[in-house]
Amino acid sequence: MTEDTPRRRAGRQLPTAEELRIWRGFVETTEALRSELAARLQKEASLSASDYPVLLALSEAPLRRMRSSDLAAGIGWERSRLSHHLRRMEQRGLIRREECATDSRGAEVVLTPDGATAFRGATVPHLRAIRELFVDALTPEQLAAAGGIAAALRARLDAPRGG
């Protein structure tokens, strides 16, 4: 059996030196890309990398509002992290929180007009940066492969874990 067999990969063996080199390159490059995108978002639109997914989710939501628990789940954040961040966004006038009309225990997060304006102003520069730093750096084949890799990783992360 060779090192590449599914049986070896399914086992709990440690990664090889080459696999660790690839992993480290992936992690370091991903972090450098995220850092550059965040710096540009802050410079060009005065929004943090944490503001953007919140504003995106709210801009796509019906009536530009979501229950905070649904927002947290939708962007993959812990509810406590979201709560702290929403407080800062509310202080800046980007969102407001209201009691939920259908459930007095819950709160809804509402995109304000200022938040919508900030999001619209950030979108084109942010998308241009994604094109420049990610899309244009890859050939069409590499881009397709990156999509396949992301899908495979997501499927593994989303798979039920056995005991």
N, C-alpha and C. Protein backbone atom coordinates (compact mmCIF):
# COMPACT_ATOMS: atom_id res chain seq x y z
N MET A 1 0.84 -1.19 0.00
CA MET A 1 0.00 0.00 0.00
C MET A 1 0.88 1.25 0.00
N THR A 2 0.58 2.21 -0.85
CA THR A 2 1.38 3.43 -0.91
C THR A 2 0.89 4.43 0.13
N GLU A 3 1.70 5.47 0.31
CA GLU A 3 1.33 6.51 1.28
C GLU A 3 0.04 7.22 0.93
N ASP A 4 -0.32 7.24 -0.35
CA ASP A 4 -1.48 8.00 -0.79
C ASP A 4 -2.80 7.24 -0.76
N THR A 5 -2.83 6.05 -0.28
CA THR A 5 -4.07 5.29 -0.30
C THR A 5 -5.10 5.90 0.62
N PRO A 6 -6.39 5.73 0.28
CA PRO A 6 -7.43 6.28 1.16
C PRO A 6 -7.34 5.73 2.58
N ARG A 7 -6.90 4.49 2.72
CA ARG A 7 -6.81 3.91 4.06
C ARG A 7 -5.82 4.69 4.92
N ARG A 8 -4.66 5.07 4.35
CA ARG A 8 -3.69 5.85 5.09
C ARG A 8 -4.24 7.22 5.44
N ARG A 9 -4.90 7.83 4.46
CA ARG A 9 -5.43 9.17 4.68
C ARG A 9 -6.57 9.16 5.70
N ALA A 10 -7.33 8.08 5.75
CA ALA A 10 -8.45 8.02 6.69
C ALA A 10 -7.97 7.75 8.11
N GLY A 11 -6.74 7.22 8.26
CA GLY A 11 -6.22 6.92 9.58
C GLY A 11 -5.87 8.19 10.34
N ARG A 12 -5.39 8.01 11.54
CA ARG A 12 -5.04 9.16 12.38
C ARG A 12 -3.52 9.32 12.48
N GLN A 13 -2.83 9.12 11.36
CA GLN A 13 -1.39 9.30 11.35
C GLN A 13 -1.06 10.78 11.27
N LEU A 14 0.13 11.12 11.68
CA LEU A 14 0.57 12.51 11.62
C LEU A 14 0.90 12.89 10.18
N PRO A 15 0.78 14.16 9.83
CA PRO A 15 1.13 14.60 8.48
C PRO A 15 2.62 14.45 8.23
N THR A 16 2.97 14.24 6.97
CA THR A 16 4.37 14.18 6.58
C THR A 16 4.96 15.58 6.58
N ALA A 17 6.28 15.67 6.45
CA ALA A 17 6.95 16.97 6.39
C ALA A 17 6.42 17.78 5.20
N GLU A 18 6.23 17.12 4.06
CA GLU A 18 5.72 17.82 2.87
C GLU A 18 4.28 18.29 3.10
N GLU A 19 3.46 17.47 3.70
CA GLU A 19 2.07 17.86 4.00
C GLU A 19 2.04 19.05 4.96
N LEU A 20 2.94 19.04 5.94
CA LEU A 20 3.01 20.17 6.87
C LEU A 20 3.51 21.44 6.18
N ARG A 21 4.43 21.31 5.22
CA ARG A 21 4.90 22.46 4.46
C ARG A 21 3.75 23.08 3.67
N ILE A 22 2.95 22.24 3.04
CA ILE A 22 1.80 22.72 2.27
C ILE A 22 0.77 23.36 3.19
N TRP A 23 0.51 22.71 4.32
CA TRP A 23 -0.45 23.25 5.30
C TRP A 23 0.00 24.63 5.78
N ARG A 24 1.27 24.74 6.15
CA ARG A 24 1.77 26.01 6.65
C ARG A 24 1.67 27.10 5.59
N GLY A 25 1.99 26.76 4.35
CA GLY A 25 1.86 27.72 3.26
C GLY A 25 0.42 28.17 3.08
N PHE A 26 -0.50 27.22 3.19
CA PHE A 26 -1.93 27.53 3.07
C PHE A 26 -2.37 28.48 4.19
N VAL A 27 -2.00 28.16 5.42
CA VAL A 27 -2.41 28.98 6.57
C VAL A 27 -1.79 30.37 6.49
N GLU A 28 -0.50 30.44 6.22
CA GLU A 28 0.17 31.74 6.18
C GLU A 28 -0.33 32.61 5.03
N THR A 29 -0.57 32.00 3.89
CA THR A 29 -1.08 32.76 2.74
C THR A 29 -2.50 33.24 2.98
N THR A 30 -3.32 32.38 3.54
CA THR A 30 -4.70 32.76 3.85
C THR A 30 -4.72 33.93 4.84
N GLU A 31 -3.88 33.86 5.85
CA GLU A 31 -3.83 34.94 6.84
C GLU A 31 -3.32 36.24 6.22
N ALA A 32 -2.30 36.15 5.37
CA ALA A 32 -1.79 37.36 4.70
C ALA A 32 -2.86 37.97 3.80
N LEU A 33 -3.61 37.13 3.09
CA LEU A 33 -4.68 37.61 2.23
C LEU A 33 -5.77 38.29 3.05
N ARG A 34 -6.20 37.64 4.13
CA ARG A 34 -7.22 38.24 5.01
C ARG A 34 -6.75 39.57 5.60
N SER A 35 -5.49 39.60 6.00
CA SER A 35 -4.94 40.82 6.59
C SER A 35 -4.93 41.97 5.58
N GLU A 36 -4.51 41.69 4.36
CA GLU A 36 -4.48 42.73 3.32
C GLU A 36 -5.89 43.20 2.98
N LEU A 37 -6.82 42.27 2.85
CA LEU A 37 -8.22 42.66 2.57
C LEU A 37 -8.78 43.51 3.71
N ALA A 38 -8.48 43.13 4.94
CA ALA A 38 -8.96 43.89 6.10
C ALA A 38 -8.36 45.30 6.12
N ALA A 39 -7.08 45.41 5.82
CA ALA A 39 -6.42 46.73 5.82
C ALA A 39 -7.03 47.63 4.75
N ARG A 40 -7.29 47.06 3.59
CA ARG A 40 -7.88 47.87 2.51
C ARG A 40 -9.32 48.27 2.85
N LEU A 41 -10.07 47.37 3.44
CA LEU A 41 -11.45 47.68 3.83
C LEU A 41 -11.46 48.83 4.84
N GLN A 42 -10.55 48.78 5.79
CA GLN A 42 -10.47 49.84 6.80
C GLN A 42 -10.06 51.16 6.15
N LYS A 43 -9.05 51.11 5.29
CA LYS A 43 -8.53 52.33 4.67
C LYS A 43 -9.54 52.94 3.71
N GLU A 44 -10.17 52.11 2.88
CA GLU A 44 -11.04 52.62 1.82
C GLU A 44 -12.46 52.90 2.27
N ALA A 45 -12.93 52.21 3.32
CA ALA A 45 -14.33 52.35 3.70
C ALA A 45 -14.56 52.57 5.20
N SER A 46 -13.50 52.62 5.97
CA SER A 46 -13.60 52.77 7.43
C SER A 46 -14.46 51.69 8.07
N LEU A 47 -14.39 50.49 7.50
CA LEU A 47 -15.08 49.34 8.07
C LEU A 47 -14.05 48.28 8.44
N SER A 48 -14.34 47.56 9.51
CA SER A 48 -13.45 46.47 9.90
C SER A 48 -13.84 45.21 9.14
N ALA A 49 -12.92 44.25 9.15
CA ALA A 49 -13.22 42.96 8.53
C ALA A 49 -14.37 42.27 9.25
N SER A 50 -14.64 42.62 10.48
CA SER A 50 -15.77 42.06 11.22
C SER A 50 -17.08 42.78 10.90
N ASP A 51 -17.00 44.06 10.56
CA ASP A 51 -18.21 44.80 10.18
C ASP A 51 -18.82 44.24 8.89
N TYR A 52 -17.96 43.92 7.94
CA TYR A 52 -18.43 43.59 6.60
C TYR A 52 -19.40 42.40 6.56
N PRO A 53 -19.08 41.25 7.18
CA PRO A 53 -20.04 40.14 7.10
C PRO A 53 -21.38 40.44 7.79
N VAL A 54 -21.34 41.25 8.84
CA VAL A 54 -22.59 41.64 9.51
C VAL A 54 -23.43 42.50 8.56
N LEU A 55 -22.80 43.49 7.95
CA LEU A 55 -23.52 44.37 7.03
C LEU A 55 -24.01 43.61 5.80
N LEU A 56 -23.20 42.70 5.30
CA LEU A 56 -23.60 41.88 4.16
C LEU A 56 -24.84 41.06 4.47
N ALA A 57 -24.81 40.37 5.60
CA ALA A 57 -25.96 39.54 5.98
C ALA A 57 -27.22 40.38 6.16
N LEU A 58 -27.09 41.52 6.80
CA LEU A 58 -28.26 42.38 7.00
C LEU A 58 -28.75 42.97 5.68
N SER A 59 -27.84 43.31 4.78
CA SER A 59 -28.26 43.89 3.50
C SER A 59 -29.02 42.88 2.66
N GLU A 60 -28.76 41.60 2.86
CA GLU A 60 -29.44 40.54 2.10
C GLU A 60 -30.70 40.02 2.79
N ALA A 61 -30.91 40.39 4.05
CA ALA A 61 -32.05 39.89 4.82
C ALA A 61 -33.34 40.62 4.45
N PRO A 62 -34.47 39.92 4.55
CA PRO A 62 -35.75 40.61 4.33
C PRO A 62 -35.89 41.79 5.28
N LEU A 63 -36.29 42.91 4.76
CA LEU A 63 -36.46 44.15 5.52
C LEU A 63 -35.18 44.61 6.22
N ARG A 64 -34.04 44.05 5.77
CA ARG A 64 -32.74 44.42 6.33
C ARG A 64 -32.68 44.25 7.83
N ARG A 65 -33.26 43.17 8.29
CA ARG A 65 -33.26 42.87 9.73
C ARG A 65 -33.20 41.38 9.94
N MET A 66 -32.55 40.99 11.04
CA MET A 66 -32.43 39.57 11.40
C MET A 66 -32.42 39.45 12.92
N ARG A 67 -32.92 38.31 13.38
CA ARG A 67 -32.74 37.99 14.79
C ARG A 67 -31.26 37.83 15.04
N SER A 68 -30.81 38.28 16.19
CA SER A 68 -29.37 38.22 16.46
C SER A 68 -28.86 36.78 16.46
N SER A 69 -29.66 35.84 16.94
CA SER A 69 -29.22 34.44 16.94
C SER A 69 -29.07 33.91 15.52
N ASP A 70 -29.96 34.31 14.62
CA ASP A 70 -29.85 33.89 13.21
C ASP A 70 -28.65 34.55 12.54
N LEU A 71 -28.40 35.78 12.89
CA LEU A 71 -27.24 36.49 12.33
C LEU A 71 -25.95 35.80 12.78
N ALA A 72 -25.85 35.48 14.05
CA ALA A 72 -24.65 34.80 14.57
C ALA A 72 -24.44 33.47 13.84
N ALA A 73 -25.49 32.70 13.69
CA ALA A 73 -25.37 31.42 13.00
C ALA A 73 -25.00 31.61 11.54
N GLY A 74 -25.60 32.62 10.91
CA GLY A 74 -25.35 32.86 9.49
C GLY A 74 -23.93 33.26 9.16
N ILE A 75 -23.28 33.97 10.07
CA ILE A 75 -21.91 34.39 9.80
C ILE A 75 -20.89 33.53 10.56
N GLY A 76 -21.38 32.55 11.29
CA GLY A 76 -20.49 31.60 11.96
C GLY A 76 -19.78 32.14 13.18
N TRP A 77 -20.45 33.02 13.91
CA TRP A 77 -19.85 33.60 15.12
C TRP A 77 -20.55 33.07 16.35
N GLU A 78 -19.84 33.09 17.46
CA GLU A 78 -20.45 32.84 18.77
C GLU A 78 -21.36 34.03 19.09
N ARG A 79 -22.45 33.76 19.78
CA ARG A 79 -23.40 34.84 20.07
C ARG A 79 -22.77 35.94 20.93
N SER A 80 -21.88 35.56 21.85
CA SER A 80 -21.26 36.59 22.70
C SER A 80 -20.34 37.50 21.87
N ARG A 81 -19.61 36.92 20.93
CA ARG A 81 -18.75 37.75 20.06
C ARG A 81 -19.61 38.72 19.26
N LEU A 82 -20.70 38.21 18.71
CA LEU A 82 -21.58 39.08 17.92
C LEU A 82 -22.15 40.19 18.79
N SER A 83 -22.58 39.86 19.98
CA SER A 83 -23.17 40.86 20.86
C SER A 83 -22.20 42.01 21.13
N HIS A 84 -20.95 41.69 21.42
CA HIS A 84 -19.95 42.73 21.68
C HIS A 84 -19.71 43.56 20.42
N HIS A 85 -19.65 42.90 19.28
CA HIS A 85 -19.39 43.64 18.05
C HIS A 85 -20.58 44.51 17.67
N LEU A 86 -21.79 44.00 17.86
CA LEU A 86 -22.98 44.79 17.55
C LEU A 86 -23.04 46.06 18.40
N ARG A 87 -22.59 45.97 19.65
CA ARG A 87 -22.58 47.15 20.51
C ARG A 87 -21.70 48.24 19.88
N ARG A 88 -20.53 47.84 19.38
CA ARG A 88 -19.63 48.81 18.75
C ARG A 88 -20.24 49.36 17.45
N MET A 89 -20.86 48.50 16.67
CA MET A 89 -21.48 48.95 15.41
C MET A 89 -22.66 49.87 15.70
N GLU A 90 -23.39 49.59 16.76
CA GLU A 90 -24.53 50.43 17.13
C GLU A 90 -24.04 51.82 17.55
N GLN A 91 -22.93 51.88 18.28
CA GLN A 91 -22.36 53.16 18.69
C GLN A 91 -21.93 53.99 17.49
N ARG A 92 -21.57 53.33 16.40
CA ARG A 92 -21.15 54.02 15.19
C ARG A 92 -22.32 54.30 14.26
N GLY A 93 -23.52 53.88 14.62
CA GLY A 93 -24.72 54.17 13.84
C GLY A 93 -24.93 53.25 12.64
N LEU A 94 -24.20 52.13 12.57
CA LEU A 94 -24.33 51.22 11.43
C LEU A 94 -25.54 50.29 11.55
N ILE A 95 -25.88 49.95 12.77
CA ILE A 95 -27.02 49.07 13.03
C ILE A 95 -27.78 49.60 14.25
N ARG A 96 -28.96 49.06 14.46
CA ARG A 96 -29.65 49.30 15.73
C ARG A 96 -30.28 47.97 16.14
N ARG A 97 -30.51 47.82 17.42
CA ARG A 97 -31.15 46.61 17.92
C ARG A 97 -32.53 46.96 18.42
N GLU A 98 -33.47 46.11 18.07
CA GLU A 98 -34.86 46.31 18.47
C GLU A 98 -35.39 45.01 19.07
N GLU A 99 -36.39 45.14 19.92
CA GLU A 99 -37.04 43.95 20.43
C GLU A 99 -37.72 43.23 19.28
N CYS A 100 -37.70 41.93 19.34
CA CYS A 100 -38.33 41.12 18.30
C CYS A 100 -39.85 41.19 18.48
N ALA A 101 -40.55 41.52 17.41
CA ALA A 101 -42.00 41.66 17.48
C ALA A 101 -42.70 40.33 17.76
N THR A 102 -42.08 39.23 17.33
CA THR A 102 -42.74 37.92 17.48
C THR A 102 -42.26 37.15 18.70
N ASP A 103 -41.18 37.61 19.36
CA ASP A 103 -40.64 36.89 20.52
C ASP A 103 -39.97 37.90 21.44
N SER A 104 -40.58 38.17 22.56
CA SER A 104 -40.06 39.21 23.46
C SER A 104 -38.70 38.85 24.06
N ARG A 105 -38.31 37.57 23.97
CA ARG A 105 -37.00 37.18 24.51
C ARG A 105 -35.87 37.49 23.54
N GLY A 106 -36.20 37.68 22.28
CA GLY A 106 -35.16 37.87 21.27
C GLY A 106 -35.03 39.32 20.86
N ALA A 107 -33.95 39.59 20.17
CA ALA A 107 -33.72 40.92 19.62
C ALA A 107 -33.44 40.78 18.13
N GLU A 108 -33.81 41.83 17.42
CA GLU A 108 -33.51 41.88 15.99
C GLU A 108 -32.45 42.95 15.75
N VAL A 109 -31.59 42.67 14.82
CA VAL A 109 -30.56 43.62 14.41
C VAL A 109 -31.05 44.22 13.10
N VAL A 110 -31.04 45.54 13.04
CA VAL A 110 -31.57 46.26 11.88
C VAL A 110 -30.45 47.10 11.25
N LEU A 111 -30.33 47.01 9.95
CA LEU A 111 -29.37 47.83 9.22
C LEU A 111 -29.92 49.25 9.14
N THR A 112 -29.14 50.21 9.59
CA THR A 112 -29.57 51.62 9.54
C THR A 112 -29.27 52.19 8.15
N PRO A 113 -29.85 53.33 7.82
CA PRO A 113 -29.48 53.98 6.55
C PRO A 113 -27.98 54.27 6.47
N ASP A 114 -27.37 54.70 7.58
CA ASP A 114 -25.92 54.93 7.58
C ASP A 114 -25.15 53.64 7.34
N GLY A 115 -25.64 52.56 7.93
CA GLY A 115 -25.00 51.26 7.72
C GLY A 115 -25.12 50.80 6.28
N ALA A 116 -26.28 51.02 5.68
CA ALA A 116 -26.48 50.65 4.27
C ALA A 116 -25.57 51.47 3.37
N THR A 117 -25.43 52.75 3.67
CA THR A 117 -24.55 53.62 2.89
C THR A 117 -23.10 53.17 3.03
N ALA A 118 -22.67 52.87 4.24
CA ALA A 118 -21.30 52.41 4.47
C ALA A 118 -21.05 51.10 3.73
N PHE A 119 -22.02 50.20 3.76
CA PHE A 119 -21.85 48.92 3.08
C PHE A 119 -21.76 49.12 1.56
N ARG A 120 -22.65 49.93 1.02
CA ARG A 120 -22.60 50.19 -0.44
C ARG A 120 -21.26 50.81 -0.83
N GLY A 121 -20.76 51.73 -0.02
CA GLY A 121 -19.49 52.37 -0.31
C GLY A 121 -18.30 51.43 -0.22
N ALA A 122 -18.42 50.40 0.58
CA ALA A 122 -17.33 49.44 0.76
C ALA A 122 -17.34 48.34 -0.27
N THR A 123 -18.49 48.04 -0.84
CA THR A 123 -18.64 46.84 -1.67
C THR A 123 -17.76 46.84 -2.91
N VAL A 124 -17.80 47.88 -3.71
CA VAL A 124 -17.02 47.88 -4.95
C VAL A 124 -15.52 47.84 -4.66
N PRO A 125 -14.98 48.67 -3.77
CA PRO A 125 -13.55 48.55 -3.48
C PRO A 125 -13.17 47.17 -2.93
N HIS A 126 -14.02 46.60 -2.10
CA HIS A 126 -13.74 45.28 -1.52
C HIS A 126 -13.74 44.21 -2.62
N LEU A 127 -14.71 44.26 -3.50
CA LEU A 127 -14.76 43.29 -4.60
C LEU A 127 -13.58 43.45 -5.55
N ARG A 128 -13.15 44.69 -5.78
CA ARG A 128 -11.96 44.92 -6.61
C ARG A 128 -10.72 44.32 -5.96
N ALA A 129 -10.61 44.47 -4.65
CA ALA A 129 -9.46 43.89 -3.93
C ALA A 129 -9.49 42.37 -4.01
N ILE A 130 -10.65 41.77 -3.90
CA ILE A 130 -10.77 40.31 -4.02
C ILE A 130 -10.31 39.88 -5.41
N ARG A 131 -10.76 40.62 -6.41
CA ARG A 131 -10.35 40.30 -7.79
C ARG A 131 -8.83 40.40 -7.92
N GLU A 132 -8.25 41.51 -7.46
CA GLU A 132 -6.82 41.76 -7.61
C GLU A 132 -5.97 40.73 -6.85
N LEU A 133 -6.32 40.51 -5.58
CA LEU A 133 -5.46 39.70 -4.72
C LEU A 133 -5.71 38.20 -4.82
N PHE A 134 -6.89 37.80 -5.25
CA PHE A 134 -7.23 36.37 -5.28
C PHE A 134 -7.50 35.90 -6.70
N VAL A 135 -8.53 36.40 -7.31
CA VAL A 135 -8.96 35.91 -8.62
C VAL A 135 -7.87 36.08 -9.66
N ASP A 136 -7.31 37.30 -9.78
CA ASP A 136 -6.32 37.56 -10.82
C ASP A 136 -4.97 36.88 -10.57
N ALA A 137 -4.73 36.43 -9.35
CA ALA A 137 -3.47 35.74 -9.03
C ALA A 137 -3.49 34.29 -9.52
N LEU A 138 -4.66 33.78 -9.88
CA LEU A 138 -4.82 32.38 -10.24
C LEU A 138 -5.23 32.22 -11.70
N THR A 139 -4.81 31.11 -12.29
CA THR A 139 -5.32 30.76 -13.62
C THR A 139 -6.75 30.26 -13.44
N PRO A 140 -7.53 30.20 -14.52
CA PRO A 140 -8.88 29.64 -14.38
C PRO A 140 -8.87 28.22 -13.80
N GLU A 141 -7.87 27.44 -14.16
CA GLU A 141 -7.78 26.08 -13.63
C GLU A 141 -7.48 26.09 -12.13
N GLN A 142 -6.58 26.98 -11.70
CA GLN A 142 -6.26 27.09 -10.28
C GLN A 142 -7.46 27.58 -9.48
N LEU A 143 -8.19 28.52 -10.07
CA LEU A 143 -9.38 29.04 -9.40
C LEU A 143 -10.41 27.92 -9.22
N ALA A 144 -10.62 27.12 -10.26
CA ALA A 144 -11.55 25.98 -10.16
C ALA A 144 -11.06 24.99 -9.11
N ALA A 145 -9.74 24.73 -9.09
CA ALA A 145 -9.18 23.81 -8.09
C ALA A 145 -9.37 24.37 -6.68
N ALA A 146 -9.18 25.69 -6.52
CA ALA A 146 -9.38 26.31 -5.21
C ALA A 146 -10.83 26.13 -4.75
N GLY A 147 -11.76 26.27 -5.69
CA GLY A 147 -13.17 26.05 -5.35
C GLY A 147 -13.41 24.61 -4.92
N GLY A 148 -12.80 23.67 -5.61
CA GLY A 148 -12.93 22.27 -5.22
C GLY A 148 -12.32 21.98 -3.87
N ILE A 149 -11.17 22.57 -3.61
CA ILE A 149 -10.51 22.40 -2.31
C ILE A 149 -11.38 22.97 -1.19
N ALA A 150 -11.89 24.17 -1.41
CA ALA A 150 -12.75 24.78 -0.39
C ALA A 150 -13.98 23.92 -0.13
N ALA A 151 -14.59 23.38 -1.19
CA ALA A 151 -15.77 22.53 -1.03
C ALA A 151 -15.43 21.25 -0.27
N ALA A 152 -14.28 20.65 -0.57
CA ALA A 152 -13.89 19.42 0.13
C ALA A 152 -13.63 19.69 1.61
N LEU A 153 -12.96 20.80 1.90
CA LEU A 153 -12.70 21.15 3.30
C LEU A 153 -14.00 21.45 4.04
N ARG A 154 -14.91 22.19 3.39
CA ARG A 154 -16.20 22.51 4.02
C ARG A 154 -16.99 21.24 4.30
N ALA A 155 -16.99 20.32 3.33
CA ALA A 155 -17.72 19.06 3.51
C ALA A 155 -17.15 18.29 4.70
N ARG A 156 -15.83 18.26 4.84
CA ARG A 156 -15.21 17.56 5.98
C ARG A 156 -15.58 18.24 7.29
N LEU A 157 -15.56 19.57 7.30
CA LEU A 157 -15.90 20.30 8.53
C LEU A 157 -17.37 20.16 8.90
N ASP A 158 -18.23 20.06 7.89
CA ASP A 158 -19.66 19.96 8.14
C ASP A 158 -20.12 18.53 8.41
N ALA A 159 -19.27 17.55 8.15
CA ALA A 159 -19.65 16.14 8.34
C ALA A 159 -19.84 15.83 9.82
N PRO A 160 -20.82 14.97 10.14
CA PRO A 160 -20.99 14.57 11.54
C PRO A 160 -19.71 13.88 12.03
N ARG A 161 -19.34 14.15 13.24
CA ARG A 161 -18.13 13.58 13.81
C ARG A 161 -18.48 12.30 14.56
N GLY A 162 -17.74 11.25 14.28
CA GLY A 162 -17.92 9.99 14.99
C GLY A 162 -17.13 10.02 16.28
N GLY A 163 -17.55 9.18 17.23
CA GLY A 163 -17.04 9.23 18.54
C GLY A 163 -15.77 8.77 18.90
